Amino acid sequence: MTDKVLTANRLTDGIAVWLDANGRWVENLQDALVARHAEAVVSLEAIGKRDFAENKVVDIAVVDVEEQGGKLWPIRLRERIRAQGPTMEYAAGYRAADPAFIAV
């Protein structure tokens, strides 16, 4: 099984977030809780559904990641862009993505 993390968009501002080991939604993928077996993925999905129902997040998804050099890398390009930020400036305080991180 591929390692997985739970991602969503924060309801208040649309920023991409990841669930950490303390059950908080954090802005940094590197702080995300990594599920390494099927039971953990089921738990992530349940937390995502609960937080969606409580209007904390939207667009919840379990995504595949791999560890390279001690850093989490989403498998799909879309998720790399979400993790690093957009490919252009779009909101104060959020810079464009690092091209090396999102390169395929």
N, C-alpha and C. Protein backbone atom coordinates (compact mmCIF):
# COMPACT_ATOMS: atom_id res chain seq x y z
N MET A 1 0.84 -1.18 0.00
CA MET A 1 0.00 0.00 0.00
C MET A 1 0.89 1.25 0.00
N THR A 2 0.49 2.24 -0.74
CA THR A 2 1.18 3.53 -0.77
C THR A 2 0.82 4.31 0.49
N ASP A 3 1.79 5.05 1.05
CA ASP A 3 1.50 5.92 2.18
C ASP A 3 0.49 6.97 1.74
N LYS A 4 -0.34 7.41 2.70
CA LYS A 4 -1.40 8.36 2.37
C LYS A 4 -1.51 9.43 3.45
N VAL A 5 -2.00 10.60 3.05
CA VAL A 5 -2.31 11.68 3.98
C VAL A 5 -3.70 12.19 3.65
N LEU A 6 -4.31 12.89 4.61
CA LEU A 6 -5.63 13.47 4.40
C LEU A 6 -5.47 14.97 4.15
N THR A 7 -6.04 15.42 3.06
CA THR A 7 -5.99 16.83 2.71
C THR A 7 -7.40 17.36 2.53
N ALA A 8 -7.52 18.67 2.61
CA ALA A 8 -8.80 19.35 2.41
C ALA A 8 -8.50 20.81 2.16
N ASN A 9 -9.55 21.59 2.03
CA ASN A 9 -9.42 23.04 1.98
C ASN A 9 -10.16 23.61 3.19
N ARG A 10 -9.50 24.52 3.87
CA ARG A 10 -10.10 25.15 5.04
C ARG A 10 -11.31 25.96 4.57
N LEU A 11 -12.41 25.82 5.26
CA LEU A 11 -13.65 26.46 4.84
C LEU A 11 -13.57 27.98 4.93
N THR A 12 -12.84 28.51 5.89
CA THR A 12 -12.83 29.96 6.10
C THR A 12 -12.12 30.74 5.00
N ASP A 13 -11.07 30.13 4.38
CA ASP A 13 -10.31 30.88 3.38
C ASP A 13 -9.90 30.06 2.15
N GLY A 14 -10.23 28.78 2.11
CA GLY A 14 -9.93 27.95 0.95
C GLY A 14 -8.51 27.43 0.87
N ILE A 15 -7.67 27.75 1.84
CA ILE A 15 -6.28 27.31 1.83
C ILE A 15 -6.21 25.79 1.99
N ALA A 16 -5.30 25.15 1.24
CA ALA A 16 -5.08 23.70 1.36
C ALA A 16 -4.49 23.39 2.73
N VAL A 17 -5.03 22.35 3.37
CA VAL A 17 -4.57 21.92 4.69
C VAL A 17 -4.46 20.41 4.73
N TRP A 18 -3.69 19.92 5.72
CA TRP A 18 -3.48 18.48 5.93
C TRP A 18 -3.72 18.17 7.38
N LEU A 19 -4.23 16.98 7.65
CA LEU A 19 -4.49 16.56 9.02
C LEU A 19 -3.20 16.10 9.67
N ASP A 20 -2.91 16.62 10.88
CA ASP A 20 -1.70 16.19 11.59
C ASP A 20 -2.03 15.14 12.64
N ALA A 21 -1.02 14.65 13.33
CA ALA A 21 -1.19 13.58 14.31
C ALA A 21 -2.03 13.99 15.52
N ASN A 22 -2.20 15.28 15.73
CA ASN A 22 -3.01 15.78 16.84
C ASN A 22 -4.45 16.08 16.43
N GLY A 23 -4.79 15.76 15.18
CA GLY A 23 -6.14 16.00 14.70
C GLY A 23 -6.40 17.43 14.27
N ARG A 24 -5.34 18.21 14.11
CA ARG A 24 -5.47 19.59 13.66
C ARG A 24 -5.23 19.65 12.16
N TRP A 25 -5.85 20.65 11.53
CA TRP A 25 -5.62 20.91 10.11
C TRP A 25 -4.49 21.93 10.01
N VAL A 26 -3.38 21.53 9.38
CA VAL A 26 -2.19 22.36 9.29
C VAL A 26 -1.91 22.70 7.83
N GLU A 27 -1.20 23.81 7.61
CA GLU A 27 -0.92 24.29 6.26
C GLU A 27 0.31 23.65 5.63
N ASN A 28 1.09 22.91 6.39
CA ASN A 28 2.33 22.33 5.87
C ASN A 28 2.20 20.82 5.71
N LEU A 29 2.31 20.34 4.50
CA LEU A 29 2.25 18.90 4.22
C LEU A 29 3.24 18.12 5.08
N GLN A 30 4.40 18.68 5.34
CA GLN A 30 5.43 17.96 6.09
C GLN A 30 5.01 17.67 7.52
N ASP A 31 3.97 18.33 8.01
CA ASP A 31 3.45 18.09 9.36
C ASP A 31 2.30 17.08 9.38
N ALA A 32 1.93 16.56 8.21
CA ALA A 32 0.77 15.68 8.11
C ALA A 32 1.02 14.31 8.74
N LEU A 33 -0.06 13.73 9.24
CA LEU A 33 -0.04 12.35 9.72
C LEU A 33 -0.03 11.44 8.51
N VAL A 34 0.87 10.47 8.47
CA VAL A 34 0.97 9.56 7.34
C VAL A 34 0.33 8.23 7.71
N ALA A 35 -0.64 7.80 6.92
CA ALA A 35 -1.30 6.50 7.12
C ALA A 35 -0.53 5.46 6.32
N ARG A 36 -0.12 4.40 6.99
CA ARG A 36 0.69 3.37 6.34
C ARG A 36 -0.03 2.02 6.23
N HIS A 37 -1.29 1.96 6.66
CA HIS A 37 -2.07 0.72 6.51
C HIS A 37 -3.55 1.06 6.35
N ALA A 38 -4.31 0.11 5.88
CA ALA A 38 -5.71 0.34 5.51
C ALA A 38 -6.56 0.86 6.67
N GLU A 39 -6.32 0.35 7.87
CA GLU A 39 -7.10 0.78 9.03
C GLU A 39 -6.88 2.27 9.31
N ALA A 40 -5.65 2.73 9.14
CA ALA A 40 -5.34 4.14 9.36
C ALA A 40 -6.04 5.02 8.32
N VAL A 41 -6.12 4.54 7.10
CA VAL A 41 -6.80 5.29 6.04
C VAL A 41 -8.29 5.42 6.38
N VAL A 42 -8.90 4.36 6.87
CA VAL A 42 -10.31 4.41 7.27
C VAL A 42 -10.51 5.45 8.36
N SER A 43 -9.59 5.52 9.31
CA SER A 43 -9.67 6.53 10.38
C SER A 43 -9.55 7.94 9.81
N LEU A 44 -8.60 8.14 8.89
CA LEU A 44 -8.46 9.46 8.27
C LEU A 44 -9.76 9.87 7.57
N GLU A 45 -10.33 8.95 6.82
CA GLU A 45 -11.57 9.25 6.11
C GLU A 45 -12.69 9.63 7.08
N ALA A 46 -12.78 8.94 8.21
CA ALA A 46 -13.81 9.24 9.20
C ALA A 46 -13.62 10.63 9.79
N ILE A 47 -12.38 10.99 10.08
CA ILE A 47 -12.10 12.32 10.62
C ILE A 47 -12.44 13.38 9.58
N GLY A 48 -12.11 13.13 8.34
CA GLY A 48 -12.44 14.07 7.27
C GLY A 48 -13.94 14.28 7.15
N LYS A 49 -14.71 13.21 7.19
CA LYS A 49 -16.17 13.31 7.10
C LYS A 49 -16.73 14.08 8.29
N ARG A 50 -16.19 13.83 9.49
CA ARG A 50 -16.65 14.53 10.69
C ARG A 50 -16.38 16.04 10.56
N ASP A 51 -15.14 16.38 10.17
CA ASP A 51 -14.78 17.79 10.09
C ASP A 51 -15.52 18.50 8.95
N PHE A 52 -15.84 17.78 7.89
CA PHE A 52 -16.67 18.34 6.83
C PHE A 52 -18.07 18.64 7.39
N ALA A 53 -18.63 17.69 8.13
CA ALA A 53 -19.96 17.87 8.71
C ALA A 53 -19.99 19.03 9.72
N GLU A 54 -18.84 19.29 10.35
CA GLU A 54 -18.75 20.39 11.32
C GLU A 54 -18.33 21.71 10.66
N ASN A 55 -18.33 21.73 9.32
CA ASN A 55 -18.01 22.93 8.54
C ASN A 55 -16.62 23.49 8.83
N LYS A 56 -15.65 22.61 9.04
CA LYS A 56 -14.27 23.04 9.22
C LYS A 56 -13.51 23.03 7.90
N VAL A 57 -13.80 22.03 7.05
CA VAL A 57 -13.08 21.85 5.79
C VAL A 57 -14.03 21.38 4.69
N VAL A 58 -13.56 21.54 3.44
CA VAL A 58 -14.29 21.04 2.27
C VAL A 58 -13.29 20.35 1.36
N ASP A 59 -13.79 19.67 0.34
CA ASP A 59 -12.96 19.01 -0.66
C ASP A 59 -11.94 18.06 -0.02
N ILE A 60 -12.42 17.19 0.83
CA ILE A 60 -11.57 16.25 1.56
C ILE A 60 -11.12 15.13 0.63
N ALA A 61 -9.84 14.76 0.74
CA ALA A 61 -9.31 13.68 -0.10
C ALA A 61 -8.14 13.00 0.61
N VAL A 62 -8.08 11.70 0.46
CA VAL A 62 -6.91 10.93 0.88
C VAL A 62 -6.00 10.86 -0.34
N VAL A 63 -4.75 11.28 -0.18
CA VAL A 63 -3.84 11.32 -1.33
C VAL A 63 -2.58 10.51 -1.05
N ASP A 64 -2.04 9.96 -2.13
CA ASP A 64 -0.81 9.15 -2.05
C ASP A 64 0.40 10.05 -1.92
N VAL A 65 1.31 9.65 -1.02
CA VAL A 65 2.58 10.35 -0.84
C VAL A 65 3.70 9.33 -0.75
N GLU A 66 4.91 9.81 -0.99
CA GLU A 66 6.09 8.97 -0.77
C GLU A 66 7.12 9.82 -0.06
N GLU A 67 7.98 9.16 0.68
CA GLU A 67 9.03 9.89 1.39
C GLU A 67 10.31 9.80 0.57
N GLN A 68 10.90 10.97 0.32
CA GLN A 68 12.16 11.07 -0.41
C GLN A 68 13.06 12.02 0.35
N GLY A 69 14.20 11.51 0.79
CA GLY A 69 15.14 12.35 1.51
C GLY A 69 14.56 12.96 2.77
N GLY A 70 13.69 12.21 3.45
CA GLY A 70 13.08 12.70 4.67
C GLY A 70 11.97 13.71 4.47
N LYS A 71 11.49 13.85 3.23
CA LYS A 71 10.45 14.82 2.91
C LYS A 71 9.29 14.12 2.23
N LEU A 72 8.07 14.49 2.59
CA LEU A 72 6.89 13.93 1.93
C LEU A 72 6.69 14.58 0.57
N TRP A 73 6.43 13.75 -0.43
CA TRP A 73 6.17 14.20 -1.80
C TRP A 73 4.86 13.57 -2.26
N PRO A 74 3.87 14.37 -2.60
CA PRO A 74 2.67 13.81 -3.19
C PRO A 74 3.01 13.16 -4.53
N ILE A 75 2.35 12.07 -4.83
CA ILE A 75 2.59 11.35 -6.08
C ILE A 75 2.07 12.16 -7.28
N ARG A 76 0.88 12.71 -7.16
CA ARG A 76 0.25 13.43 -8.27
C ARG A 76 0.68 14.90 -8.30
N LEU A 77 0.85 15.42 -9.49
CA LEU A 77 1.23 16.81 -9.69
C LEU A 77 0.23 17.76 -9.03
N ARG A 78 -1.03 17.48 -9.19
CA ARG A 78 -2.07 18.35 -8.59
C ARG A 78 -1.83 18.52 -7.10
N GLU A 79 -1.51 17.44 -6.42
CA GLU A 79 -1.30 17.49 -4.98
C GLU A 79 0.02 18.18 -4.63
N ARG A 80 1.02 18.07 -5.48
CA ARG A 80 2.27 18.80 -5.24
C ARG A 80 2.02 20.30 -5.31
N ILE A 81 1.21 20.71 -6.27
CA ILE A 81 0.89 22.14 -6.39
C ILE A 81 0.09 22.59 -5.17
N ARG A 82 -0.86 21.79 -4.73
CA ARG A 82 -1.64 22.14 -3.54
C ARG A 82 -0.75 22.23 -2.31
N ALA A 83 0.24 21.33 -2.21
CA ALA A 83 1.12 21.30 -1.05
C ALA A 83 2.07 22.50 -1.02
N GLN A 84 2.52 22.92 -2.16
CA GLN A 84 3.54 23.97 -2.23
C GLN A 84 2.93 25.35 -2.45
N GLY A 85 1.73 25.39 -2.90
CA GLY A 85 1.10 26.66 -3.22
C GLY A 85 0.83 26.73 -4.70
N PRO A 86 0.09 27.70 -5.13
CA PRO A 86 -0.27 27.79 -6.55
C PRO A 86 0.95 28.12 -7.40
N THR A 87 0.79 28.02 -8.69
CA THR A 87 1.89 28.31 -9.60
C THR A 87 2.04 29.81 -9.84
N MET A 88 1.19 30.60 -9.18
CA MET A 88 1.30 32.06 -9.27
C MET A 88 0.86 32.66 -7.94
N GLU A 89 1.23 33.91 -7.69
CA GLU A 89 0.79 34.59 -6.46
C GLU A 89 -0.72 34.78 -6.53
N TYR A 90 -1.40 34.54 -5.40
CA TYR A 90 -2.85 34.74 -5.45
C TYR A 90 -3.43 35.36 -4.20
N ALA A 91 -2.71 35.32 -3.09
CA ALA A 91 -3.23 35.91 -1.86
C ALA A 91 -2.06 36.43 -1.05
N ALA A 92 -2.30 37.51 -0.35
CA ALA A 92 -1.24 38.09 0.48
C ALA A 92 -0.70 37.05 1.45
N GLY A 93 0.62 36.93 1.51
CA GLY A 93 1.24 35.99 2.43
C GLY A 93 1.45 34.60 1.87
N TYR A 94 1.01 34.34 0.66
CA TYR A 94 1.17 33.03 0.04
C TYR A 94 1.90 33.18 -1.28
N ARG A 95 3.11 32.64 -1.34
CA ARG A 95 3.94 32.80 -2.52
C ARG A 95 3.66 31.69 -3.53
N ALA A 96 4.17 31.87 -4.71
CA ALA A 96 4.01 30.85 -5.74
C ALA A 96 4.82 29.61 -5.39
N ALA A 97 4.43 28.48 -5.94
CA ALA A 97 5.07 27.20 -5.67
C ALA A 97 6.52 27.18 -6.12
N ASP A 98 7.33 26.38 -5.44
CA ASP A 98 8.72 26.14 -5.82
C ASP A 98 8.70 25.21 -7.02
N PRO A 99 9.17 25.64 -8.18
CA PRO A 99 9.13 24.79 -9.39
C PRO A 99 9.83 23.45 -9.21
N ALA A 100 10.88 23.39 -8.38
CA ALA A 100 11.59 22.11 -8.16
C ALA A 100 10.71 21.12 -7.43
N PHE A 101 9.84 21.60 -6.54
CA PHE A 101 8.98 20.70 -5.78
C PHE A 101 7.88 20.11 -6.66
N ILE A 102 7.34 20.94 -7.56
CA ILE A 102 6.24 20.44 -8.37
C ILE A 102 6.67 19.80 -9.68
N ALA A 103 7.97 19.82 -9.96
CA ALA A 103 8.47 19.20 -11.20
C ALA A 103 8.18 17.71 -11.20
N VAL A 104 7.86 17.20 -12.35
CA VAL A 104 7.57 15.75 -12.45
C VAL A 104 8.76 15.01 -13.01
